[in-house]
PDB file of N, CA and C in Angstrom:
ATOM      1  N   MET A   1     -29.112  10.350  34.584  1.00  0.00           N
ATOM      2  CA  MET A   1     -30.293  10.652  33.781  1.00  0.00           C
ATOM      3  C   MET A   1     -30.480  11.753  34.367  1.00  0.00           C
ATOM      4  N   PRO A   2     -30.975  12.806  33.102  1.00  0.00           N
ATOM      5  CA  PRO A   2     -32.014  14.069  34.045  1.00  0.00           C
ATOM      6  C   PRO A   2     -33.405  13.706  34.196  1.00  0.00           C
ATOM      7  N   ALA A   3     -33.898  13.898  35.783  1.00  0.00           N
ATOM      8  CA  ALA A   3     -35.252  13.574  36.205  1.00  0.00           C
ATOM      9  C   ALA A   3     -36.253  14.523  36.121  1.00  0.00           C
ATOM     10  N   PHE A   4     -35.465  15.983  36.043  1.00  0.00           N
ATOM     11  CA  PHE A   4     -36.200  16.861  35.494  1.00  0.00           C
ATOM     12  C   PHE A   4     -36.327  17.684  34.779  1.00  0.00           C
ATOM     13  N   GLY A   5     -37.517  18.378  34.206  1.00  0.00           N
ATOM     14  CA  GLY A   5     -37.210  19.964  32.864  1.00  0.00           C
ATOM     15  C   GLY A   5     -38.487  20.277  33.611  1.00  0.00           C
ATOM     16  N   PHE A   6     -38.102  21.739  31.796  1.00  0.00           N
ATOM     17  CA  PHE A   6     -39.301  22.040  31.480  1.00  0.00           C
ATOM     18  C   PHE A   6     -39.821  22.557  30.534  1.00  0.00           C
ATOM     19  N   LEU A   7     -41.070  22.623  30.079  1.00  0.00           N
ATOM     20  CA  LEU A   7     -41.843  23.210  28.584  1.00  0.00           C
ATOM     21  C   LEU A   7     -42.223  24.122  29.120  1.00  0.00           C
ATOM     22  N   VAL A   8     -41.895  25.268  27.991  1.00  0.00           N
ATOM     23  CA  VAL A   8     -42.352  26.187  28.237  1.00  0.00           C
ATOM     24  C   VAL A   8     -43.069  26.881  27.208  1.00  0.00           C
ATOM     25  N   GLU A   9     -44.108  27.601  27.008  1.00  0.00           N
ATOM     26  CA  GLU A   9     -45.026  27.309  25.848  1.00  0.00           C
ATOM     27  C   GLU A   9     -45.194  29.016  25.537  1.00  0.00           C
ATOM     28  N   MET A  10     -44.953  29.106  24.419  1.00  0.00           N
ATOM     29  CA  MET A  10     -44.715  30.700  24.160  1.00  0.00           C
ATOM     30  C   MET A  10     -45.371  31.448  22.591  1.00  0.00           C
ATOM     31  N   GLU A  11     -45.960  32.525  22.643  1.00  0.00           N
ATOM     32  CA  GLU A  11     -47.066  32.200  21.253  1.00  0.00           C
ATOM     33  C   GLU A  11     -46.815  33.605  21.107  1.00  0.00           C
ATOM     34  N   ALA A  12     -46.016  34.226  19.703  1.00  0.00           N
ATOM     35  CA  ALA A  12     -45.354  35.382  19.454  1.00  0.00           C
ATOM     36  C   ALA A  12     -46.956  36.188  19.263  1.00  0.00           C
ATOM     37  N   GLN A  13     -46.391  37.463  19.218  1.00  0.00           N
ATOM     38  CA  GLN A  13     -47.096  38.408  19.013  1.00  0.00           C
ATOM     39  C   GLN A  13     -47.162  38.441  17.200  1.00  0.00           C
ATOM     40  N   PRO A  14     -48.005  38.851  16.465  1.00  0.00           N
ATOM     41  CA  PRO A  14     -48.175  38.867  15.055  1.00  0.00           C
ATOM     42  C   PRO A  14     -46.964  39.691  14.871  1.00  0.00           C
ATOM     43  N   GLY A  15     -46.100  39.283  13.619  1.00  0.00           N
ATOM     44  CA  GLY A  15     -45.016  39.980  12.943  1.00  0.00           C
ATOM     45  C   GLY A  15     -43.573  39.903  13.883  1.00  0.00           C
ATOM     46  N   ARG A  16     -43.949  39.785  15.065  1.00  0.00           N
ATOM     47  CA  ARG A  16     -42.834  39.663  15.869  1.00  0.00           C
ATOM     48  C   ARG A  16     -41.878  38.138  16.232  1.00  0.00           C
ATOM     49  N   GLU A  17     -42.386  37.188  15.158  1.00  0.00           N
ATOM     50  CA  GLU A  17     -41.656  36.014  14.897  1.00  0.00           C
ATOM     51  C   GLU A  17     -40.177  35.728  15.067  1.00  0.00           C
ATOM     52  N   ALA A  18     -39.650  36.116  14.086  1.00  0.00           N
ATOM     53  CA  ALA A  18     -38.450  36.918  13.797  1.00  0.00           C
ATOM     54  C   ALA A  18     -37.791  37.134  15.234  1.00  0.00           C
ATOM     55  N   ALA A  19     -38.086  38.259  15.432  1.00  0.00           N
ATOM     56  CA  ALA A  19     -37.572  38.376  16.641  1.00  0.00           C
ATOM     57  C   ALA A  19     -37.660  37.550  17.664  1.00  0.00           C
ATOM     58  N   VAL A  20     -38.648  36.644  18.080  1.00  0.00           N
ATOM     59  CA  VAL A  20     -38.496  35.610  18.927  1.00  0.00           C
ATOM     60  C   VAL A  20     -37.388  34.661  18.558  1.00  0.00           C
ATOM     61  N   ALA A  21     -37.541  34.216  17.025  1.00  0.00           N
ATOM     62  CA  ALA A  21     -36.545  33.259  17.018  1.00  0.00           C
ATOM     63  C   ALA A  21     -34.942  33.926  17.273  1.00  0.00           C
ATOM     64  N   THR A  22     -34.337  35.405  17.438  1.00  0.00           N
ATOM     65  CA  THR A  22     -33.745  35.941  17.812  1.00  0.00           C
ATOM     66  C   THR A  22     -33.460  35.985  19.092  1.00  0.00           C
ATOM     67  N   PHE A  23     -34.768  36.243  19.977  1.00  0.00           N
ATOM     68  CA  PHE A  23     -34.821  36.073  21.704  1.00  0.00           C
ATOM     69  C   PHE A  23     -34.553  34.742  22.360  1.00  0.00           C
ATOM     70  N   LEU A  24     -34.355  33.564  20.846  1.00  0.00           N
ATOM     71  CA  LEU A  24     -33.857  32.361  21.723  1.00  0.00           C
ATOM     72  C   LEU A  24     -32.593  31.774  20.841  1.00  0.00           C
ATOM     73  N   ALA A  25     -32.592  32.347  20.600  1.00  0.00           N
ATOM     74  CA  ALA A  25     -31.104  32.294  19.776  1.00  0.00           C
ATOM     75  C   ALA A  25     -30.089  33.014  20.774  1.00  0.00           C
ATOM     76  N   GLU A  26     -30.301  34.136  21.451  1.00  0.00           N
ATOM     77  CA  GLU A  26     -29.441  34.647  22.568  1.00  0.00           C
ATOM     78  C   GLU A  26     -29.436  34.219  23.972  1.00  0.00           C
ATOM     79  N   ALA A  27     -30.570  33.656  24.002  1.00  0.00           N
ATOM     80  CA  ALA A  27     -31.499  32.780  25.449  1.00  0.00           C
ATOM     81  C   ALA A  27     -29.919  31.466  25.019  1.00  0.00           C
ATOM     82  N   LYS A  28     -29.721  30.988  24.599  1.00  0.00           N
ATOM     83  CA  LYS A  28     -29.003  29.672  24.129  1.00  0.00           C
ATOM     84  C   LYS A  28     -27.804  29.933  24.879  1.00  0.00           C
ATOM     85  N   VAL A  29     -27.158  31.441  24.239  1.00  0.00           N
ATOM     86  CA  VAL A  29     -25.769  31.755  24.981  1.00  0.00           C
ATOM     87  C   VAL A  29     -25.659  32.245  26.257  1.00  0.00           C
ATOM     88  N   LEU A  30     -27.024  32.294  27.051  1.00  0.00           N
ATOM     89  CA  LEU A  30     -26.998  32.524  28.524  1.00  0.00           C
ATOM     90  C   LEU A  30     -26.706  30.667  29.098  1.00  0.00           C
ATOM     91  N   VAL A  31     -28.003  29.836  28.252  1.00  0.00           N
ATOM     92  CA  VAL A  31     -27.855  28.743  28.421  1.00  0.00           C
ATOM     93  C   VAL A  31     -26.749  27.921  28.908  1.00  0.00           C
ATOM     94  N   ASP A  32     -25.376  28.081  27.619  1.00  0.00           N
ATOM     95  CA  ASP A  32     -24.721  27.755  27.686  1.00  0.00           C
ATOM     96  C   ASP A  32     -23.703  27.572  29.050  1.00  0.00           C
ATOM     97  N   ASP A  33     -23.910  28.685  30.045  1.00  0.00           N
ATOM     98  CA  ASP A  33     -23.174  29.120  31.112  1.00  0.00           C
ATOM     99  C   ASP A  33     -23.655  28.559  32.095  1.00  0.00           C
ATOM    100  N   GLU A  34     -24.453  27.536  32.082  1.00  0.00           N
ATOM    101  CA  GLU A  34     -25.268  27.037  32.629  1.00  0.00           C
ATOM    102  C   GLU A  34     -24.944  25.304  33.534  1.00  0.00           C
ATOM    103  N   PRO A  35     -23.956  24.835  34.251  1.00  0.00           N
ATOM    104  CA  PRO A  35     -23.481  24.035  34.006  1.00  0.00           C
ATOM    105  C   PRO A  35     -24.026  22.644  34.581  1.00  0.00           C
ATOM    106  N   GLY A  36     -25.839  22.712  35.457  1.00  0.00           N
ATOM    107  CA  GLY A  36     -27.105  22.436  35.873  1.00  0.00           C
ATOM    108  C   GLY A  36     -27.692  22.015  34.593  1.00  0.00           C
ATOM    109  N   THR A  37     -27.819  23.014  33.416  1.00  0.00           N
ATOM    110  CA  THR A  37     -28.682  22.918  32.203  1.00  0.00           C
ATOM    111  C   THR A  37     -27.838  21.055  31.366  1.00  0.00           C
ATOM    112  N   LEU A  38     -28.593  20.442  31.309  1.00  0.00           N
ATOM    113  CA  LEU A  38     -28.286  19.395  30.440  1.00  0.00           C
ATOM    114  C   LEU A  38     -28.640  19.283  29.194  1.00  0.00           C
ATOM    115  N   ALA A  39     -29.896  19.540  29.008  1.00  0.00           N
ATOM    116  CA  ALA A  39     -30.451  19.810  27.820  1.00  0.00           C
ATOM    117  C   ALA A  39     -31.029  21.173  27.402  1.00  0.00           C
ATOM    118  N   TRP A  40     -31.348  21.387  26.144  1.00  0.00           N
ATOM    119  CA  TRP A  40     -32.054  22.626  26.100  1.00  0.00           C
ATOM    120  C   TRP A  40     -32.483  22.615  24.998  1.00  0.00           C
ATOM    121  N   PHE A  41     -33.910  22.961  24.361  1.00  0.00           N
ATOM    122  CA  PHE A  41     -34.102  22.645  23.174  1.00  0.00           C
ATOM    123  C   PHE A  41     -35.165  24.288  22.866  1.00  0.00           C
ATOM    124  N   ALA A  42     -34.664  24.419  21.524  1.00  0.00           N
ATOM    125  CA  ALA A  42     -35.743  25.800  21.595  1.00  0.00           C
ATOM    126  C   ALA A  42     -36.455  25.451  19.843  1.00  0.00           C
ATOM    127  N   PHE A  43     -37.672  25.260  20.013  1.00  0.00           N
ATOM    128  CA  PHE A  43     -38.020  24.977  18.459  1.00  0.00           C
ATOM    129  C   PHE A  43     -39.856  25.525  18.680  1.00  0.00           C
ATOM    130  N   ARG A  44     -40.255  25.864  17.565  1.00  0.00           N
ATOM    131  CA  ARG A  44     -41.322  26.075  16.754  1.00  0.00           C
ATOM    132  C   ARG A  44     -42.032  25.077  16.242  1.00  0.00           C
ATOM    133  N   VAL A  45     -43.309  25.133  16.694  1.00  0.00           N
ATOM    134  CA  VAL A  45     -44.632  24.008  16.154  1.00  0.00           C
ATOM    135  C   VAL A  45     -45.443  24.858  15.376  1.00  0.00           C
ATOM    136  N   GLY A  46     -45.778  26.103  14.969  1.00  0.00           N
ATOM    137  CA  GLY A  46     -46.230  26.351  14.099  1.00  0.00           C
ATOM    138  C   GLY A  46     -45.904  28.311  13.347  1.00  0.00           C
ATOM    139  N   PRO A  47     -46.738  28.748  13.008  1.00  0.00           N
ATOM    140  CA  PRO A  47     -46.386  30.204  12.336  1.00  0.00           C
ATOM    141  C   PRO A  47     -45.929  31.369  13.613  1.00  0.00           C
ATOM    142  N   THR A  48     -47.071  31.248  14.688  1.00  0.00           N
ATOM    143  CA  THR A  48     -46.341  32.179  15.511  1.00  0.00           C
ATOM    144  C   THR A  48     -46.546  31.515  17.483  1.00  0.00           C
ATOM    145  N   THR A  49     -46.096  30.019  16.582  1.00  0.00           N
ATOM    146  CA  THR A  49     -45.991  29.076  18.141  1.00  0.00           C
ATOM    147  C   THR A  49     -44.941  28.634  18.822  1.00  0.00           C
ATOM    148  N   PHE A  50     -44.106  28.991  19.580  1.00  0.00           N
ATOM    149  CA  PHE A  50     -42.752  28.407  20.173  1.00  0.00           C
ATOM    150  C   PHE A  50     -42.766  27.075  21.369  1.00  0.00           C
ATOM    151  N   ARG A  51     -41.424  26.804  21.348  1.00  0.00           N
ATOM    152  CA  ARG A  51     -41.433  26.186  22.650  1.00  0.00           C
ATOM    153  C   ARG A  51     -39.784  25.986  23.212  1.00  0.00           C
ATOM    154  N   ILE A  52     -40.055  26.111  24.505  1.00  0.00           N
ATOM    155  CA  ILE A  52     -38.539  25.319  24.777  1.00  0.00           C
ATOM    156  C   ILE A  52     -38.926  24.316  26.069  1.00  0.00           C
ATOM    157  N   PHE A  53     -37.835  23.537  25.639  1.00  0.00           N
ATOM    158  CA  PHE A  53     -37.748  21.887  26.625  1.00  0.00           C
ATOM    159  C   PHE A  53     -36.461  21.983  27.264  1.00  0.00           C
ATOM    160  N   ASP A  54     -36.065  22.153  28.531  1.00  0.00           N
ATOM    161  CA  ASP A  54     -34.965  21.542  29.224  1.00  0.00           C
ATOM    162  C   ASP A  54     -34.689  20.637  30.130  1.00  0.00           C
ATOM    163  N   ALA A  55     -33.370  20.422  30.242  1.00  0.00           N
ATOM    164  CA  ALA A  55     -33.627  19.103  31.464  1.00  0.00           C
ATOM    165  C   ALA A  55     -32.497  19.129  31.795  1.00  0.00           C
ATOM    166  N   PHE A  56     -32.869  18.648  33.543  1.00  0.00           N
ATOM    167  CA  PHE A  56     -31.572  18.635  34.608  1.00  0.00           C
ATOM    168  C   PHE A  56     -31.751  17.787  35.461  1.00  0.00           C
ATOM    169  N   GLU A  57     -30.806  17.261  35.932  1.00  0.00           N
ATOM    170  CA  GLU A  57     -30.749  16.462  37.038  1.00  0.00           C
ATOM    171  C   GLU A  57     -31.153  16.122  38.127  1.00  0.00           C
ATOM    172  N   THR A  58     -31.091  17.329  38.849  1.00  0.00           N
ATOM    173  CA  THR A  58     -31.468  17.883  40.455  1.00  0.00           C
ATOM    174  C   THR A  58     -32.443  18.901  40.341  1.00  0.00           C
ATOM    175  N   GLU A  59     -33.462  18.873  41.553  1.00  0.00           N
ATOM    176  CA  GLU A  59     -34.398  19.745  41.188  1.00  0.00           C
ATOM    177  C   GLU A  59     -33.526  21.153  41.608  1.00  0.00           C
ATOM    178  N   ASP A  60     -32.511  21.119  42.377  1.00  0.00           N
ATOM    179  CA  ASP A  60     -31.324  22.597  42.468  1.00  0.00           C
ATOM    180  C   ASP A  60     -31.518  22.648  41.423  1.00  0.00           C
ATOM    181  N   ASP A  61     -30.948  21.868  40.136  1.00  0.00           N
ATOM    182  CA  ASP A  61     -30.385  22.965  39.336  1.00  0.00           C
ATOM    183  C   ASP A  61     -31.637  23.278  38.378  1.00  0.00           C
ATOM    184  N   ARG A  62     -32.521  22.672  38.417  1.00  0.00           N
ATOM    185  CA  ARG A  62     -34.655  22.928  37.828  1.00  0.00           C
ATOM    186  C   ARG A  62     -34.419  24.833  38.535  1.00  0.00           C
ATOM    187  N   GLN A  63     -33.962  24.612  39.823  1.00  0.00           N
ATOM    188  CA  GLN A  63     -34.502  25.982  40.222  1.00  0.00           C
ATOM    189  C   GLN A  63     -33.380  26.836  39.811  1.00  0.00           C
ATOM    190  N   THR A  64     -32.175  26.509  39.953  1.00  0.00           N
ATOM    191  CA  THR A  64     -31.429  27.728  39.351  1.00  0.00           C
ATOM    192  C   THR A  64     -31.820  28.171  38.247  1.00  0.00           C
ATOM    193  N   HIS A  65     -31.519  27.582  36.821  1.00  0.00           N
ATOM    194  CA  HIS A  65     -32.225  27.982  35.904  1.00  0.00           C
ATOM    195  C   HIS A  65     -33.606  28.857  35.555  1.00  0.00           C
ATOM    196  N   LEU A  66     -34.491  28.143  36.431  1.00  0.00           N
ATOM    197  CA  LEU A  66     -36.052  28.921  36.550  1.00  0.00           C
ATOM    198  C   LEU A  66     -35.779  30.804  36.840  1.00  0.00           C
ATOM    199  N   HIS A  67     -34.605  30.503  38.046  1.00  0.00           N
ATOM    200  CA  HIS A  67     -34.399  31.933  38.288  1.00  0.00           C
ATOM    201  C   HIS A  67     -33.362  32.784  37.880  1.00  0.00           C
ATOM    202  N   GLY A  68     -32.630  32.108  36.662  1.00  0.00           N
ATOM    203  CA  GLY A  68     -31.712  32.724  36.025  1.00  0.00           C
ATOM    204  C   GLY A  68     -31.671  33.914  35.351  1.00  0.00           C
ATOM    205  N   LYS A  69     -30.900  33.948  34.087  1.00  0.00           N
ATOM    206  CA  LYS A  69     -30.754  35.361  33.498  1.00  0.00           C
ATOM    207  C   LYS A  69     -31.678  34.980  32.284  1.00  0.00           C
ATOM    208  N   VAL A  70     -32.424  33.651  31.713  1.00  0.00           N
ATOM    209  CA  VAL A  70     -32.859  33.544  30.436  1.00  0.00           C
ATOM    210  C   VAL A  70     -34.424  34.135  31.510  1.00  0.00           C
ATOM    211  N   ARG A  71     -34.751  33.774  32.419  1.00  0.00           N
ATOM    212  CA  ARG A  71     -35.905  34.283  32.901  1.00  0.00           C
ATOM    213  C   ARG A  71     -35.997  35.744  32.761  1.00  0.00           C
ATOM    214  N   GLU A  72     -34.998  36.105  33.342  1.00  0.00           N
ATOM    215  CA  GLU A  72     -34.851  38.023  33.452  1.00  0.00           C
ATOM    216  C   GLU A  72     -35.282  38.344  32.181  1.00  0.00           C
ATOM    217  N   ARG A  73     -34.076  38.011  30.903  1.00  0.00           N
ATOM    218  CA  ARG A  73     -34.922  38.712  29.756  1.00  0.00           C
ATOM    219  C   ARG A  73     -35.917  37.793  29.615  1.00  0.00           C
ATOM    220  N   PHE A  74     -36.715  36.565  29.605  1.00  0.00           N
ATOM    221  CA  PHE A  74     -38.483  36.558  29.084  1.00  0.00           C
ATOM    222  C   PHE A  74     -39.010  37.624  29.650  1.00  0.00           C
ATOM    223  N   TYR A  75     -38.884  37.911  31.447  1.00  0.00           N
ATOM    224  CA  TYR A  75     -39.625  39.069  31.653  1.00  0.00           C
ATOM    225  C   TYR A  75     -39.880  39.972  31.823  1.00  0.00           C
ATOM    226  N   ALA A  76     -38.067  40.772  31.016  1.00  0.00           N
ATOM    227  CA  ALA A  76     -38.118  42.321  30.840  1.00  0.00           C
ATOM    228  C   ALA A  76     -38.906  42.314  29.377  1.00  0.00           C
ATOM    229  N   GLN A  77     -38.969  41.627  28.617  1.00  0.00           N
ATOM    230  CA  GLN A  77     -39.286  41.456  26.845  1.00  0.00           C
ATOM    231  C   GLN A  77     -40.491  40.738  26.596  1.00  0.00           C
ATOM    232  N   TRP A  78     -41.376  40.453  27.410  1.00  0.00           N
ATOM    233  CA  TRP A  78     -42.177  39.626  26.868  1.00  0.00           C
ATOM    234  C   TRP A  78     -43.173  40.150  26.489  1.00  0.00           C
ATOM    235  N   GLU A  79     -43.692  41.409  26.555  1.00  0.00           N
ATOM    236  CA  GLU A  79     -44.729  42.258  26.440  1.00  0.00           C
ATOM    237  C   GLU A  79     -44.429  42.789  24.524  1.00  0.00           C
ATOM    238  N   GLN A  80     -42.962  43.127  24.500  1.00  0.00           N
ATOM    239  CA  GLN A  80     -42.853  43.175  23.352  1.00  0.00           C
ATOM    240  C   GLN A  80     -42.931  41.795  22.184  1.00  0.00           C
ATOM    241  N   LEU A  81     -42.725  40.767  22.256  1.00  0.00           N
ATOM    242  CA  LEU A  81     -42.422  39.935  21.994  1.00  0.00           C
ATOM    243  C   LEU A  81     -43.740  38.561  21.843  1.00  0.00           C
ATOM    244  N   PHE A  82     -44.531  38.297  23.075  1.00  0.00           N
ATOM    245  CA  PHE A  82     -45.043  37.648  22.999  1.00  0.00           C
ATOM    246  C   PHE A  82     -46.724  38.017  23.693  1.00  0.00           C
ATOM    247  N   THR A  83     -47.973  37.293  23.062  1.00  0.00           N
ATOM    248  CA  THR A  83     -48.886  37.729  23.438  1.00  0.00           C
ATOM    249  C   THR A  83     -49.670  37.809  24.740  1.00  0.00           C
ATOM    250  N   VAL A  84     -48.971  36.795  25.319  1.00  0.00           N
ATOM    251  CA  VAL A  84     -49.080  36.185  27.076  1.00  0.00           C
ATOM    252  C   VAL A  84     -47.865  35.960  27.222  1.00  0.00           C
ATOM    253  N   PRO A  85     -47.804  36.130  28.899  1.00  0.00           N
ATOM    254  CA  PRO A  85     -46.517  36.016  29.336  1.00  0.00           C
ATOM    255  C   PRO A  85     -46.244  33.751  29.092  1.00  0.00           C
ATOM    256  N   PRO A  86     -44.961  33.773  28.727  1.00  0.00           N
ATOM    257  CA  PRO A  86     -45.045  32.403  28.639  1.00  0.00           C
ATOM    258  C   PRO A  86     -45.140  31.241  29.974  1.00  0.00           C
ATOM    259  N   ILE A  87     -45.730  30.349  29.438  1.00  0.00           N
ATOM    260  CA  ILE A  87     -46.334  28.860  30.420  1.00  0.00           C
ATOM    261  C   ILE A  87     -45.364  28.339  30.784  1.00  0.00           C
ATOM    262  N   VAL A  88     -44.756  28.231  31.801  1.00  0.00           N
ATOM    263  CA  VAL A  88     -43.852  27.041  32.512  1.00  0.00           C
ATOM    264  C   VAL A  88     -44.261  26.341  33.144  1.00  0.00           C
ATOM    265  N   ASN A  89     -44.285  24.850  32.837  1.00  0.00           N
ATOM    266  CA  ASN A  89     -44.427  23.855  33.109  1.00  0.00           C
ATOM    267  C   ASN A  89     -43.471  22.997  33.375  1.00  0.00           C
ATOM    268  N   ALA A  90     -42.889  22.793  34.957  1.00  0.00           N
ATOM    269  CA  ALA A  90     -42.429  21.687  35.044  1.00  0.00           C
ATOM    270  C   ALA A  90     -42.609  20.265  34.780  1.00  0.00           C
ATOM    271  N   VAL A  91     -41.769  19.897  34.162  1.00  0.00           N
ATOM    272  CA  VAL A  91     -42.248  18.288  34.065  1.00  0.00           C
ATOM    273  C   VAL A  91     -41.399  17.284  34.509  1.00  0.00           C
ATOM    274  N   ASP A  92     -41.704  16.141  34.964  1.00  0.00           N
ATOM    275  CA  ASP A  92     -40.572  15.082  35.325  1.00  0.00           C
ATOM    276  C   ASP A  92     -40.702  14.064  34.215  1.00  0.00           C
ATOM    277  N   ILE A  93     -39.425  13.741  34.344  1.00  0.00           N
ATOM    278  CA  ILE A  93     -39.204  13.345  33.161  1.00  0.00           C
ATOM    279  C   ILE A  93     -39.014  11.636  33.321  1.00  0.00           C
ATOM    280  N   LEU A  94     -39.536  10.872  32.681  1.00  0.00           N
ATOM    281  CA  LEU A  94     -39.533   9.270  32.767  1.00  0.00           C
ATOM    282  C   LEU A  94     -38.074   8.872  32.082  1.00  0.00           C
ATOM    283  N   GLU A  95     -37.810   8.593  31.069  1.00  0.00           N
ATOM    284  CA  GLU A  95     -37.083   8.176  30.306  1.00  0.00           C
ATOM    285  C   GLU A  95     -36.286   9.066  29.430  1.00  0.00           C
ATOM    286  N   THR A  96     -35.028   8.746  28.892  1.00  0.00           N
ATOM    287  CA  THR A  96     -34.816   9.102  27.747  1.00  0.00           C
ATOM    288  C   THR A  96     -33.951   8.898  26.935  1.00  0.00           C
ATOM    289  N   LYS A  97     -33.431   9.236  25.957  1.00  0.00           N
ATOM    290  CA  LYS A  97     -32.466   9.174  25.122  1.00  0.00           C
ATOM    291  C   LYS A  97     -31.262  10.228  24.804  1.00  0.00           C
ATOM    292  N   LEU A  98     -30.447   9.754  25.379  1.00  0.00           N
ATOM    293  CA  LEU A  98     -29.343  11.040  24.779  1.00  0.00           C
ATOM    294  C   LEU A  98     -27.782  10.804  24.535  1.00  0.00           C
ATOM    295  N   PRO A  99     -27.089  10.938  24.097  1.00  0.00           N
ATOM    296  CA  PRO A  99     -25.952  10.540  23.704  1.00  0.00           C
ATOM    297  C   PRO A  99     -24.988  10.500  24.326  1.00  0.00           C
ATOM    298  N   ASN A 100     -24.346   9.394  24.946  1.00  0.00           N
ATOM    299  CA  ASN A 100     -22.796   9.630  25.730  1.00  0.00           C
ATOM    300  C   ASN A 100     -22.460  10.893  26.620  1.00  0.00           C
TER     301      ASN A 100
END
């Protein structure tokens, strides 16, 4: 069961919503190469508001992801895409329901 996660909060610059969606699709390809990332969801909660939720079995896996290629891309492009740097919240997962 994954016990560790992140909830990442992002606010797109007005007019950059499609670019953020593309950025997230490209980030998913990078996450696919991370064996320690058990679940990864990118979603929109409002016209310019986006979130990512991801889950890991160990703290080491969470830290590997935190310092990986997706973060590099975020911080290389955030000023062009987002109103402020993404807010990264580490979370402890209490319960899950995932496919076997």
